[in-house]
C-alpha atoms as a PDB file:
ATOM      1  CA  MET A   1     -57.085-103.693  -8.657  1.00  0.00           C
ATOM      2  CA  GLU A   2     -55.722-100.561  -7.191  1.00  0.00           C
ATOM      3  CA  PRO A   3     -52.058-101.733  -6.935  1.00  0.00           C
ATOM      4  CA  VAL A   4     -52.173-102.880 -10.523  1.00  0.00           C
ATOM      5  CA  LEU A   5     -53.557 -99.519 -11.593  1.00  0.00           C
ATOM      6  CA  ILE A   6     -50.815 -97.693  -9.765  1.00  0.00           C
ATOM      7  CA  VAL A   7     -48.160 -99.826 -11.431  1.00  0.00           C
ATOM      8  CA  LEU A   8     -49.646 -99.144 -14.826  1.00  0.00           C
ATOM      9  CA  VAL A   9     -49.662 -95.425 -14.174  1.00  0.00           C
ATOM     10  CA  VAL A  10     -46.050 -95.516 -13.068  1.00  0.00           C
ATOM     11  CA  LEU A  11     -45.067 -97.479 -16.165  1.00  0.00           C
ATOM     12  CA  VAL A  12     -46.836 -95.006 -18.409  1.00  0.00           C
ATOM     13  CA  VAL A  13     -45.075 -92.079 -16.784  1.00  0.00           C
ATOM     14  CA  VAL A  14     -41.689 -93.765 -17.057  1.00  0.00           C
ATOM     15  CA  ALA A  15     -42.321 -94.639 -20.680  1.00  0.00           C
ATOM     16  CA  PHE A  16     -43.296 -91.020 -21.414  1.00  0.00           C
ATOM     17  CA  ILE A  17     -40.179 -89.683 -19.728  1.00  0.00           C
ATOM     18  CA  ALA A  18     -38.011 -92.217 -21.561  1.00  0.00           C
ATOM     19  CA  LEU A  19     -39.603 -91.208 -24.827  1.00  0.00           C
ATOM     20  CA  ILE A  20     -38.865 -87.570 -24.131  1.00  0.00           C
ATOM     21  CA  LYS A  21     -35.251 -88.381 -23.283  1.00  0.00           C
ATOM     22  CA  THR A  22     -34.904 -90.609 -26.309  1.00  0.00           C
ATOM     23  CA  ILE A  23     -35.943 -87.997 -28.884  1.00  0.00           C
ATOM     24  CA  GLN A  24     -33.605 -84.966 -29.063  1.00  0.00           C
ATOM     25  CA  VAL A  25     -34.319 -82.105 -31.450  1.00  0.00           C
ATOM     26  CA  ILE A  26     -31.251 -79.943 -32.213  1.00  0.00           C
ATOM     27  CA  PRO A  27     -31.839 -76.502 -33.801  1.00  0.00           C
ATOM     28  CA  GLN A  28     -30.113 -75.415 -36.990  1.00  0.00           C
ATOM     29  CA  ALA A  29     -26.519 -74.121 -36.587  1.00  0.00           C
ATOM     30  CA  SER A  30     -26.233 -75.869 -33.243  1.00  0.00           C
ATOM     31  CA  ALA A  31     -24.601 -79.014 -31.919  1.00  0.00           C
ATOM     32  CA  ALA A  32     -24.888 -81.137 -28.778  1.00  0.00           C
ATOM     33  CA  ILE A  33     -22.299 -83.285 -27.015  1.00  0.00           C
ATOM     34  CA  VAL A  34     -23.568 -86.743 -25.891  1.00  0.00           C
ATOM     35  CA  GLU A  35     -21.921 -88.591 -23.037  1.00  0.00           C
ATOM     36  CA  ARG A  36     -22.582 -92.148 -21.948  1.00  0.00           C
ATOM     37  CA  PHE A  37     -21.752 -92.768 -18.332  1.00  0.00           C
ATOM     38  CA  GLY A  38     -19.630 -89.610 -18.354  1.00  0.00           C
ATOM     39  CA  ARG A  39     -17.680 -90.467 -21.478  1.00  0.00           C
ATOM     40  CA  TYR A  40     -17.937 -88.727 -24.831  1.00  0.00           C
ATOM     41  CA  THR A  41     -19.944 -90.738 -27.250  1.00  0.00           C
ATOM     42  CA  ARG A  42     -20.909 -88.565 -30.185  1.00  0.00           C
ATOM     43  CA  THR A  43     -21.956 -85.115 -31.345  1.00  0.00           C
ATOM     44  CA  LEU A  44     -25.537 -84.528 -32.319  1.00  0.00           C
ATOM     45  CA  SER A  45     -26.136 -82.380 -35.386  1.00  0.00           C
ATOM     46  CA  ALA A  46     -29.180 -80.312 -36.280  1.00  0.00           C
ATOM     47  CA  GLY A  47     -32.462 -82.205 -36.616  1.00  0.00           C
ATOM     48  CA  LEU A  48     -34.129 -85.168 -34.894  1.00  0.00           C
ATOM     49  CA  ASN A  49     -31.777 -87.437 -32.973  1.00  0.00           C
ATOM     50  CA  ILE A  50     -32.371 -90.639 -30.942  1.00  0.00           C
ATOM     51  CA  VAL A  51     -30.394 -91.358 -27.769  1.00  0.00           C
ATOM     52  CA  VAL A  52     -30.575 -94.060 -25.157  1.00  0.00           C
ATOM     53  CA  PRO A  53     -32.626 -92.755 -22.276  1.00  0.00           C
ATOM     54  CA  PHE A  54     -31.151 -92.732 -18.799  1.00  0.00           C
ATOM     55  CA  ILE A  55     -27.804 -93.811 -20.290  1.00  0.00           C
ATOM     56  CA  ASP A  56     -26.888 -91.071 -22.777  1.00  0.00           C
ATOM     57  CA  THR A  57     -26.913 -87.491 -21.492  1.00  0.00           C
ATOM     58  CA  ILE A  58     -26.549 -84.147 -23.220  1.00  0.00           C
ATOM     59  CA  ARG A  59     -23.362 -82.546 -21.890  1.00  0.00           C
ATOM     60  CA  ASN A  60     -23.330 -79.253 -23.749  1.00  0.00           C
ATOM     61  CA  ARG A  61     -25.231 -77.418 -26.461  1.00  0.00           C
ATOM     62  CA  ILE A  62     -22.989 -75.201 -28.617  1.00  0.00           C
ATOM     63  CA  ASP A  63     -23.993 -72.433 -31.028  1.00  0.00           C
ATOM     64  CA  LEU A  64     -22.096 -72.829 -34.298  1.00  0.00           C
ATOM     65  CA  ARG A  65     -22.863 -69.324 -35.577  1.00  0.00           C
ATOM     66  CA  GLU A  66     -20.271 -66.559 -35.594  1.00  0.00           C
ATOM     67  CA  GLN A  67     -20.121 -64.822 -32.258  1.00  0.00           C
ATOM     68  CA  VAL A  68     -19.120 -61.271 -31.320  1.00  0.00           C
ATOM     69  CA  VAL A  69     -17.471 -60.709 -27.958  1.00  0.00           C
ATOM     70  CA  PRO A  70     -16.389 -57.217 -26.802  1.00  0.00           C
ATOM     71  CA  PHE A  71     -13.637 -57.061 -24.224  1.00  0.00           C
ATOM     72  CA  PRO A  72     -13.299 -54.258 -21.662  1.00  0.00           C
ATOM     73  CA  PRO A  73     -10.492 -51.677 -22.039  1.00  0.00           C
ATOM     74  CA  GLN A  74      -7.056 -53.051 -21.286  1.00  0.00           C
ATOM     75  CA  PRO A  75      -4.093 -50.848 -20.244  1.00  0.00           C
ATOM     76  CA  VAL A  76      -1.143 -51.360 -22.582  1.00  0.00           C
ATOM     77  CA  ILE A  77       2.300 -49.720 -22.422  1.00  0.00           C
ATOM     78  CA  THR A  78       3.866 -48.484 -25.674  1.00  0.00           C
ATOM     79  CA  SER A  79       7.577 -48.439 -26.493  1.00  0.00           C
ATOM     80  CA  ASP A  80       7.829 -44.777 -25.447  1.00  0.00           C
ATOM     81  CA  ASN A  81       6.455 -45.671 -21.964  1.00  0.00           C
ATOM     82  CA  LEU A  82       2.947 -44.305 -22.429  1.00  0.00           C
ATOM     83  CA  VAL A  83      -0.077 -46.167 -21.085  1.00  0.00           C
ATOM     84  CA  VAL A  84      -3.003 -46.424 -23.490  1.00  0.00           C
ATOM     85  CA  ASN A  85      -6.359 -48.129 -22.973  1.00  0.00           C
ATOM     86  CA  ILE A  86      -7.480 -50.323 -25.860  1.00  0.00           C
ATOM     87  CA  ASP A  87     -10.944 -51.784 -26.423  1.00  0.00           C
ATOM     88  CA  THR A  88     -11.076 -54.890 -28.599  1.00  0.00           C
ATOM     89  CA  VAL A  89     -13.841 -56.831 -30.304  1.00  0.00           C
ATOM     90  CA  ILE A  90     -13.406 -60.485 -31.324  1.00  0.00           C
ATOM     91  CA  TYR A  91     -15.411 -62.249 -34.063  1.00  0.00           C
ATOM     92  CA  TYR A  92     -15.081 -66.039 -33.661  1.00  0.00           C
ATOM     93  CA  GLN A  93     -16.881 -69.214 -34.656  1.00  0.00           C
ATOM     94  CA  VAL A  94     -16.851 -72.740 -33.149  1.00  0.00           C
ATOM     95  CA  THR A  95     -15.763 -75.262 -35.756  1.00  0.00           C
ATOM     96  CA  ASP A  96     -15.298 -78.332 -33.519  1.00  0.00           C
ATOM     97  CA  PRO A  97     -17.843 -78.670 -30.676  1.00  0.00           C
ATOM     98  CA  ARG A  98     -15.978 -81.602 -29.107  1.00  0.00           C
ATOM     99  CA  ALA A  99     -12.653 -79.657 -28.900  1.00  0.00           C
ATOM    100  CA  ALA A 100     -14.394 -76.540 -27.662  1.00  0.00           C
ATOM    101  CA  THR A 101     -15.935 -78.637 -24.865  1.00  0.00           C
ATOM    102  CA  TYR A 102     -13.036 -80.812 -23.785  1.00  0.00           C
ATOM    103  CA  GLU A 103      -9.845 -78.952 -24.867  1.00  0.00           C
ATOM    104  CA  VAL A 104     -10.477 -75.797 -22.862  1.00  0.00           C
ATOM    105  CA  ALA A 105     -12.539 -75.100 -19.803  1.00  0.00           C
ATOM    106  CA  SER A 106     -13.893 -71.712 -20.979  1.00  0.00           C
ATOM    107  CA  TYR A 107     -12.891 -70.717 -24.466  1.00  0.00           C
ATOM    108  CA  ILE A 108     -14.330 -67.176 -24.042  1.00  0.00           C
ATOM    109  CA  GLN A 109     -12.108 -66.453 -21.084  1.00  0.00           C
ATOM    110  CA  ALA A 110      -9.172 -68.107 -22.814  1.00  0.00           C
ATOM    111  CA  ILE A 111      -9.635 -65.921 -25.928  1.00  0.00           C
ATOM    112  CA  GLU A 112      -9.863 -62.783 -23.796  1.00  0.00           C
ATOM    113  CA  GLN A 113      -6.640 -63.489 -21.904  1.00  0.00           C
ATOM    114  CA  LEU A 114      -4.829 -64.479 -25.074  1.00  0.00           C
ATOM    115  CA  THR A 115      -5.984 -61.254 -26.733  1.00  0.00           C
ATOM    116  CA  VAL A 116      -4.666 -59.149 -23.852  1.00  0.00           C
ATOM    117  CA  THR A 117      -1.243 -60.773 -23.802  1.00  0.00           C
ATOM    118  CA  THR A 118      -0.873 -60.670 -27.594  1.00  0.00           C
ATOM    119  CA  LEU A 119      -1.972 -57.053 -27.678  1.00  0.00           C
ATOM    120  CA  ARG A 120       0.620 -56.082 -25.097  1.00  0.00           C
ATOM    121  CA  ASN A 121       3.343 -57.808 -27.086  1.00  0.00           C
ATOM    122  CA  ILE A 122       2.386 -56.005 -30.301  1.00  0.00           C
ATOM    123  CA  ILE A 123       1.827 -52.547 -28.768  1.00  0.00           C
ATOM    124  CA  GLY A 124       4.981 -52.835 -26.653  1.00  0.00           C
ATOM    125  CA  SER A 125       7.090 -52.725 -29.821  1.00  0.00           C
ATOM    126  CA  MET A 126       5.374 -49.602 -31.205  1.00  0.00           C
ATOM    127  CA  ASP A 127       5.343 -45.973 -30.145  1.00  0.00           C
ATOM    128  CA  LEU A 128       2.198 -43.926 -29.570  1.00  0.00           C
ATOM    129  CA  GLU A 129       2.034 -42.414 -33.033  1.00  0.00           C
ATOM    130  CA  SER A 130       2.458 -45.805 -34.706  1.00  0.00           C
ATOM    131  CA  THR A 131      -0.189 -47.271 -32.425  1.00  0.00           C
ATOM    132  CA  LEU A 132      -2.717 -44.615 -33.391  1.00  0.00           C
ATOM    133  CA  THR A 133      -2.040 -44.941 -37.108  1.00  0.00           C
ATOM    134  CA  SER A 134      -1.462 -48.712 -37.483  1.00  0.00           C
ATOM    135  CA  ARG A 135      -4.767 -50.308 -36.588  1.00  0.00           C
ATOM    136  CA  GLU A 136      -4.725 -52.637 -39.574  1.00  0.00           C
ATOM    137  CA  VAL A 137      -1.277 -53.911 -38.634  1.00  0.00           C
ATOM    138  CA  ILE A 138      -2.379 -54.540 -35.040  1.00  0.00           C
ATOM    139  CA  ASN A 139      -5.570 -56.290 -36.178  1.00  0.00           C
ATOM    140  CA  ALA A 140      -3.664 -58.552 -38.534  1.00  0.00           C
ATOM    141  CA  GLY A 141      -1.116 -59.456 -35.829  1.00  0.00           C
ATOM    142  CA  LEU A 142      -3.824 -60.261 -33.296  1.00  0.00           C
ATOM    143  CA  ARG A 143      -5.786 -62.366 -35.736  1.00  0.00           C
ATOM    144  CA  GLY A 144      -2.743 -64.416 -36.727  1.00  0.00           C
ATOM    145  CA  VAL A 145      -1.766 -65.230 -33.139  1.00  0.00           C
ATOM    146  CA  LEU A 146      -5.339 -65.943 -31.972  1.00  0.00           C
ATOM    147  CA  ASP A 147      -6.212 -68.073 -34.965  1.00  0.00           C
ATOM    148  CA  GLU A 148      -3.117 -70.216 -34.461  1.00  0.00           C
ATOM    149  CA  ALA A 149      -3.648 -70.637 -30.689  1.00  0.00           C
ATOM    150  CA  THR A 150      -7.394 -71.242 -30.802  1.00  0.00           C
ATOM    151  CA  GLY A 151      -7.260 -73.713 -33.681  1.00  0.00           C
ATOM    152  CA  ARG A 152      -6.688 -76.646 -31.326  1.00  0.00           C
ATOM    153  CA  TRP A 153      -9.651 -75.493 -29.266  1.00  0.00           C
ATOM    154  CA  GLY A 154     -11.972 -75.948 -32.213  1.00  0.00           C
ATOM    155  CA  ILE A 155     -12.445 -72.164 -32.632  1.00  0.00           C
ATOM    156  CA  ARG A 156     -11.706 -69.985 -35.642  1.00  0.00           C
ATOM    157  CA  VAL A 157     -11.076 -66.270 -35.077  1.00  0.00           C
ATOM    158  CA  ASN A 158     -12.466 -64.504 -38.138  1.00  0.00           C
ATOM    159  CA  ARG A 159     -11.743 -60.924 -37.209  1.00  0.00           C
ATOM    160  CA  VAL A 160     -10.215 -58.746 -34.516  1.00  0.00           C
ATOM    161  CA  GLU A 161     -11.031 -55.038 -34.282  1.00  0.00           C
ATOM    162  CA  LEU A 162      -9.677 -52.273 -32.071  1.00  0.00           C
ATOM    163  CA  LYS A 163     -12.752 -50.380 -30.995  1.00  0.00           C
ATOM    164  CA  ALA A 164     -10.920 -47.518 -29.276  1.00  0.00           C
ATOM    165  CA  ILE A 165      -7.394 -46.420 -28.409  1.00  0.00           C
ATOM    166  CA  GLU A 166      -7.343 -43.857 -25.613  1.00  0.00           C
ATOM    167  CA  PRO A 167      -4.016 -42.221 -24.729  1.00  0.00           C
ATOM    168  CA  PRO A 168      -3.535 -40.400 -21.387  1.00  0.00           C
ATOM    169  CA  THR A 169      -5.362 -37.125 -20.815  1.00  0.00           C
ATOM    170  CA  SER A 170      -2.177 -35.039 -20.857  1.00  0.00           C
ATOM    171  CA  ILE A 171      -1.129 -36.606 -24.136  1.00  0.00           C
ATOM    172  CA  GLN A 172      -4.564 -35.913 -25.593  1.00  0.00           C
ATOM    173  CA  ASP A 173      -4.274 -32.228 -24.631  1.00  0.00           C
ATOM    174  CA  SER A 174      -0.825 -32.016 -26.233  1.00  0.00           C
ATOM    175  CA  MET A 175      -2.082 -33.714 -29.384  1.00  0.00           C
ATOM    176  CA  GLU A 176      -5.039 -31.349 -29.601  1.00  0.00           C
ATOM    177  CA  LYS A 177      -2.736 -28.331 -29.231  1.00  0.00           C
ATOM    178  CA  GLN A 178      -0.436 -29.691 -31.915  1.00  0.00           C
ATOM    179  CA  MET A 179      -3.323 -30.365 -34.249  1.00  0.00           C
ATOM    180  CA  ARG A 180      -4.724 -26.885 -33.593  1.00  0.00           C
ATOM    181  CA  ALA A 181      -1.325 -25.317 -34.333  1.00  0.00           C
ATOM    182  CA  ASP A 182      -1.058 -27.292 -37.577  1.00  0.00           C
ATOM    183  CA  ARG A 183      -4.533 -26.196 -38.631  1.00  0.00           C
ATOM    184  CA  ASP A 184      -3.739 -22.553 -37.801  1.00  0.00           C
ATOM    185  CA  LYS A 185      -0.531 -22.820 -39.808  1.00  0.00           C
ATOM    186  CA  ARG A 186      -2.331 -24.267 -42.825  1.00  0.00           C
ATOM    187  CA  ALA A 187      -5.038 -21.616 -42.524  1.00  0.00           C
ATOM    188  CA  ALA A 188      -2.427 -18.814 -42.438  1.00  0.00           C
ATOM    189  CA  ILE A 189      -0.652 -20.288 -45.465  1.00  0.00           C
ATOM    190  CA  LEU A 190      -3.899 -20.580 -47.402  1.00  0.00           C
ATOM    191  CA  THR A 191      -4.864 -17.008 -46.462  1.00  0.00           C
ATOM    192  CA  ALA A 192      -1.499 -15.668 -47.629  1.00  0.00           C
ATOM    193  CA  GLU A 193      -1.750 -17.620 -50.881  1.00  0.00           C
ATOM    194  CA  GLY A 194      -5.249 -16.282 -51.440  1.00  0.00           C
ATOM    195  CA  ALA A 195      -4.146 -12.673 -50.793  1.00  0.00           C
ATOM    196  CA  ARG A 196      -1.173 -13.115 -53.128  1.00  0.00           C
ATOM    197  CA  GLN A 197      -3.325 -14.577 -55.880  1.00  0.00           C
ATOM    198  CA  ALA A 198      -5.872 -11.790 -55.408  1.00  0.00           C
ATOM    199  CA  GLN A 199      -3.176  -9.100 -55.733  1.00  0.00           C
ATOM    200  CA  ILE A 200      -1.802 -10.763 -58.865  1.00  0.00           C
ATOM    201  CA  LEU A 201      -5.239 -10.955 -60.437  1.00  0.00           C
ATOM    202  CA  ARG A 202      -5.997  -7.350 -59.436  1.00  0.00           C
ATOM    203  CA  ALA A 203      -2.716  -6.127 -60.971  1.00  0.00           C
ATOM    204  CA  GLU A 204      -3.376  -8.068 -64.162  1.00  0.00           C
ATOM    205  CA  GLY A 205      -6.878  -6.635 -64.330  1.00  0.00           C
ATOM    206  CA  GLU A 206      -5.605  -3.070 -63.857  1.00  0.00           C
ATOM    207  CA  LYS A 207      -2.948  -3.662 -66.507  1.00  0.00           C
ATOM    208  CA  GLN A 208      -5.481  -4.960 -68.997  1.00  0.00           C
ATOM    209  CA  ALA A 209      -7.832  -2.085 -68.165  1.00  0.00           C
ATOM    210  CA  ALA A 210      -5.048   0.466 -68.733  1.00  0.00           C
ATOM    211  CA  VAL A 211      -4.088  -1.175 -72.030  1.00  0.00           C
ATOM    212  CA  LEU A 212      -7.687  -1.224 -73.199  1.00  0.00           C
ATOM    213  CA  GLN A 213      -8.203   2.388 -72.119  1.00  0.00           C
ATOM    214  CA  ALA A 214      -5.067   3.484 -73.968  1.00  0.00           C
ATOM    215  CA  GLU A 215      -6.166   1.598 -77.059  1.00  0.00           C
ATOM    216  CA  GLY A 216      -9.609   3.186 -76.811  1.00  0.00           C
ATOM    217  CA  GLU A 217      -8.128   6.682 -76.466  1.00  0.00           C
ATOM    218  CA  ALA A 218      -5.824   6.050 -79.420  1.00  0.00           C
ATOM    219  CA  GLN A 219      -8.700   4.842 -81.563  1.00  0.00           C
ATOM    220  CA  ALA A 220     -10.807   7.818 -80.435  1.00  0.00           C
ATOM    221  CA  ALA A 221      -7.989  10.222 -81.336  1.00  0.00           C
ATOM    222  CA  VAL A 222      -7.612   8.595 -84.751  1.00  0.00           C
ATOM    223  CA  LEU A 223     -11.350   8.773 -85.367  1.00  0.00           C
ATOM    224  CA  ARG A 224     -11.433  12.386 -84.138  1.00  0.00           C
ATOM    225  CA  ALA A 225      -8.568  13.319 -86.454  1.00  0.00           C
ATOM    226  CA  ASP A 226     -10.249  11.537 -89.340  1.00  0.00           C
ATOM    227  CA  GLY A 227     -13.450  13.453 -88.605  1.00  0.00           C
ATOM    228  CA  GLU A 228     -11.665  16.819 -88.497  1.00  0.00           C
ATOM    229  CA  ALA A 229      -9.785  16.004 -91.688  1.00  0.00           C
ATOM    230  CA  ALA A 230     -13.043  15.024 -93.383  1.00  0.00           C
ATOM    231  CA  ALA A 231     -14.684  18.272 -92.184  1.00  0.00           C
ATOM    232  CA  ILE A 232     -11.771  20.396 -93.461  1.00  0.00           C
ATOM    233  CA  ARG A 233     -11.802  18.513 -96.733  1.00  0.00           C
ATOM    234  CA  THR A 234     -15.555  19.063 -97.078  1.00  0.00           C
ATOM    235  CA  VAL A 235     -15.198  22.813 -96.399  1.00  0.00           C
ATOM    236  CA  PHE A 236     -12.273  23.082 -98.798  1.00  0.00           C
ATOM    237  CA  GLU A 237     -14.183  21.262-101.527  1.00  0.00           C
ATOM    238  CA  ALA A 238     -17.271  23.409-100.893  1.00  0.00           C
ATOM    239  CA  ILE A 239     -15.189  26.622-101.206  1.00  0.00           C
ATOM    240  CA  HIS A 240     -13.622  25.493-104.458  1.00  0.00           C
ATOM    241  CA  GLU A 241     -16.879  24.235-105.861  1.00  0.00           C
ATOM    242  CA  GLY A 242     -18.523  27.584-104.979  1.00  0.00           C
ATOM    243  CA  ASP A 243     -15.639  29.481-106.684  1.00  0.00           C
ATOM    244  CA  ALA A 244     -15.336  32.095-103.880  1.00  0.00           C
ATOM    245  CA  ASP A 245     -13.467  35.244-104.989  1.00  0.00           C
ATOM    246  CA  GLN A 246     -11.257  37.589-103.006  1.00  0.00           C
ATOM    247  CA  LYS A 247     -14.128  39.941-102.229  1.00  0.00           C
ATOM    248  CA  LEU A 248     -16.205  37.319-100.436  1.00  0.00           C
ATOM    249  CA  LEU A 249     -13.212  36.112 -98.462  1.00  0.00           C
ATOM    250  CA  ALA A 250     -12.375  39.676 -97.417  1.00  0.00           C
ATOM    251  CA  TYR A 251     -15.951  40.270 -96.270  1.00  0.00           C
ATOM    252  CA  GLN A 252     -15.970  37.060 -94.212  1.00  0.00           C
ATOM    253  CA  TYR A 253     -12.625  38.032 -92.748  1.00  0.00           C
ATOM    254  CA  LEU A 254     -14.002  41.370 -91.533  1.00  0.00           C
ATOM    255  CA  GLN A 255     -17.063  39.681 -90.041  1.00  0.00           C
ATOM    256  CA  THR A 256     -14.814  37.484 -87.976  1.00  0.00           C
ATOM    257  CA  LEU A 257     -12.852  40.355 -86.437  1.00  0.00           C
ATOM    258  CA  PRO A 258     -15.607  41.530 -84.008  1.00  0.00           C
ATOM    259  CA  GLU A 259     -15.810  38.054 -82.557  1.00  0.00           C
ATOM    260  CA  LEU A 260     -12.233  38.458 -81.375  1.00  0.00           C
ATOM    261  CA  ALA A 261     -13.156  41.490 -79.269  1.00  0.00           C
ATOM    262  CA  LYS A 262     -15.954  39.791 -77.342  1.00  0.00           C
ATOM    263  CA  GLY A 263     -15.434  39.267 -73.645  1.00  0.00           C
ATOM    264  CA  ASP A 264     -14.929  41.594 -70.690  1.00  0.00           C
ATOM    265  CA  SER A 265     -11.309  40.584 -70.252  1.00  0.00           C
ATOM    266  CA  ASN A 266     -10.308  41.401 -73.818  1.00  0.00           C
ATOM    267  CA  LYS A 267      -8.690  44.842 -73.660  1.00  0.00           C
ATOM    268  CA  LEU A 268      -6.228  44.355 -76.464  1.00  0.00           C
ATOM    269  CA  TRP A 269      -6.315  42.181 -79.557  1.00  0.00           C
ATOM    270  CA  ILE A 270      -4.016  41.689 -82.483  1.00  0.00           C
ATOM    271  CA  ILE A 271      -4.731  42.395 -86.162  1.00  0.00           C
ATOM    272  CA  PRO A 272      -2.649  40.299 -88.534  1.00  0.00           C
ATOM    273  CA  SER A 273      -0.677  41.951 -91.310  1.00  0.00           C
ATOM    274  CA  GLU A 274      -2.947  40.337 -93.902  1.00  0.00           C
ATOM    275  CA  VAL A 275      -5.853  42.533 -92.770  1.00  0.00           C
ATOM    276  CA  GLY A 276      -4.570  45.311 -95.028  1.00  0.00           C
ATOM    277  CA  ASP A 277      -4.960  43.114 -98.074  1.00  0.00           C
ATOM    278  CA  ALA A 278      -8.413  42.201 -96.927  1.00  0.00           C
ATOM    279  CA  LEU A 279      -9.394  45.872 -96.524  1.00  0.00           C
ATOM    280  CA  LYS A 280      -7.912  46.623 -99.927  1.00  0.00           C
ATOM    281  CA  GLY A 281      -9.993  43.886-101.510  1.00  0.00           C
ATOM    282  CA  LEU A 282     -13.105  45.131 -99.699  1.00  0.00           C
ATOM    283  CA  GLY A 283     -12.432  48.720-100.817  1.00  0.00           C
ATOM    284  CA  GLY A 284     -12.115  47.531-104.378  1.00  0.00           C
ATOM    285  CA  ALA A 285     -15.418  45.783-104.052  1.00  0.00           C
ATOM    286  CA  PHE A 286     -17.147  48.958-102.846  1.00  0.00           C
ATOM    287  CA  THR A 287     -15.509  50.952-105.644  1.00  0.00           C
ATOM    288  CA  GLY A 288     -16.849  48.526-108.194  1.00  0.00           C
ATOM    289  CA  LEU A 289     -20.332  48.893-106.747  1.00  0.00           C
ATOM    290  CA  THR A 290     -20.319  52.744-106.938  1.00  0.00           C
ATOM    291  CA  GLY A 291     -19.064  52.783-110.495  1.00  0.00           C
ATOM    292  CA  GLY A 292     -15.696  54.403-109.670  1.00  0.00           C
ATOM    293  CA  ASN A 293     -17.231  57.889-108.621  1.00  0.00           C
ATOM    294  CA  GLY A 294     -17.316  59.769-105.313  1.00  0.00           C
ATOM    295  CA  ALA A 295     -20.279  61.483-103.773  1.00  0.00           C
ATOM    296  CA  ASN A 296     -21.277  63.254-107.018  1.00  0.00           C
ATOM    297  CA  GLY A 297     -20.347  60.324-109.177  1.00  0.00           C
ATOM    298  CA  ASN A 298     -17.391  62.196-110.793  1.00  0.00           C
ATOM    299  CA  ALA A 299     -14.726  62.417-108.153  1.00  0.00           C
ATOM    300  CA  ALA A 300     -12.375  59.480-107.884  1.00  0.00           C
ATOM    301  CA  ALA A 301     -12.501  57.347-104.772  1.00  0.00           C
ATOM    302  CA  PRO A 302      -9.712  57.937-102.348  1.00  0.00           C
ATOM    303  CA  THR A 303      -6.951  55.490-102.708  1.00  0.00           C
ATOM    304  CA  VAL A 304      -6.588  53.197 -99.752  1.00  0.00           C
ATOM    305  CA  SER A 305      -2.958  52.456 -99.421  1.00  0.00           C
ATOM    306  CA  HIS A 306      -1.546  49.500 -97.606  1.00  0.00           C
ATOM    307  CA  VAL A 307      -0.732  50.409 -94.063  1.00  0.00           C
ATOM    308  CA  PRO A 308       2.998  50.011 -93.559  1.00  0.00           C
ATOM    309  CA  VAL A 309       3.737  47.161 -91.177  1.00  0.00           C
ATOM    310  CA  ASP A 310       7.096  46.285 -89.825  1.00  0.00           C
ATOM    311  CA  PRO A 311       7.492  42.526 -90.133  1.00  0.00           C
ATOM    312  CA  ALA A 312       9.976  42.424 -87.275  1.00  0.00           C
ATOM    313  CA  ALA A 313       7.566  44.158 -84.886  1.00  0.00           C
ATOM    314  CA  GLY A 314       4.710  41.827 -85.766  1.00  0.00           C
ATOM    315  CA  PRO A 315       1.074  42.910 -85.950  1.00  0.00           C
ATOM    316  CA  ARG A 316       0.327  46.211 -84.293  1.00  0.00           C
ATOM    317  CA  PRO A 317      -2.292  46.593 -81.591  1.00  0.00           C
ATOM    318  CA  VAL A 318      -5.634  48.162 -82.217  1.00  0.00           C
ATOM    319  CA  ASP A 319      -7.968  49.545 -79.576  1.00  0.00           C
ATOM    320  CA  THR A 320     -10.713  47.007 -78.909  1.00  0.00           C
ATOM    321  CA  GLU A 321     -13.199  49.659 -77.966  1.00  0.00           C
ATOM    322  CA  LYS A 322     -13.133  50.827 -81.613  1.00  0.00           C
ATOM    323  CA  PRO A 323     -12.915  47.578 -83.509  1.00  0.00           C
ATOM    324  CA  PHE A 324     -13.388  49.225 -86.920  1.00  0.00           C
ATOM    325  CA  ALA A 325     -10.903  52.085 -86.390  1.00  0.00           C
ATOM    326  CA  ARG A 326      -7.912  52.191 -88.662  1.00  0.00           C
ATOM    327  CA  PRO A 327      -5.176  54.728 -89.412  1.00  0.00           C
ATOM    328  CA  ARG A 328      -6.305  57.777 -91.306  1.00  0.00           C
ATOM    329  CA  VAL A 329      -5.292  57.781 -94.932  1.00  0.00           C
ATOM    330  CA  GLU A 330      -5.016  61.074 -96.707  1.00  0.00           C
ATOM    331  CA  PRO A 331      -6.340  61.130-100.276  1.00  0.00           C
ATOM    332  CA  GLY A 332      -3.775  61.604-102.993  1.00  0.00           C
ATOM    333  CA  ARG A 333      -0.836  60.756-100.768  1.00  0.00           C
ATOM    334  CA  GLU A 334       1.248  57.727-101.499  1.00  0.00           C
ATOM    335  CA  TYR A 335       2.653  55.619 -98.765  1.00  0.00           C
ATOM    336  CA  PRO A 336       5.526  53.204 -99.083  1.00  0.00           C
ATOM    337  CA  LYS A 337       4.481  49.608 -99.212  1.00  0.00           C
ATOM    338  CA  ILE A 338       6.247  46.956 -97.226  1.00  0.00           C
ATOM    339  CA  ASP A 339       6.137  43.451 -98.458  1.00  0.00           C
ATOM    340  CA  PRO A 340       4.826  41.307 -95.617  1.00  0.00           C
ATOM    341  CA  GLU A 341       7.057  38.523 -96.700  1.00  0.00           C
END
């Protein structure tokens, strides 16, 4: 019984292993290459698949999702004989698992070498400045060449990106100095433009301020003149409405004369020629008040004659220390009168 039991156990184990090899589960977005006695038979898709155990074998499992492969920096010479290091990133996807398995030994290595050679061809026809500023052109050129070459390998290159372009250290220093000089130049130009604009605005502001000040002074002068004219008009109307006579005017005229003598520096002041008429009017007023008599009421008041004044000589000086002094007039004596006009 023991040999039979051993045979049964062996058969069970073989059947279990065969069952495991018969059922193949392929994940989503994956594919598997099946070979029968070393020859390609079919490609297994995602899901549950049945193969012949011990006859069919799984050669390769391929991921059908888009892959990202970064390549190390590659030295490339530009048209102006400058060496730059360029990092590239490739986005690809396997479209034909059979071609990717049998048409090329290692499609990753093949894509890398093809990228390097294509990149050197493209950069070799461009100078450094064009290389730094034409990334889109370089990407498009790389993608076109890679997509055409890798199509027969069952691979589609979706995108090619230049991760970094590093020129030599000396060139970087020169570029930084040039950029710094350009920035300093733009800063100096902007500063000069700002100072110029500020001066223009300041001059316009001063001009407007001067114009407004002049207009304000002119309006103030006009208002001041209108006020003085209104004051003179009011005084003139008040005098005429009050019907002031010659006596009142003469009295006010004499009251004003002492004001002229005020001040320590006034040693000499001028009496106009019209003061004689004022004194004459005032003397007439006093005569009217006394009834035309002297001290006893009978004697006639002394006649106050007009003090002769030479018009050519102008008003004569009077001592300020005796503001009310005037030339002595003898009673009964007539003096020639000189018309002030």
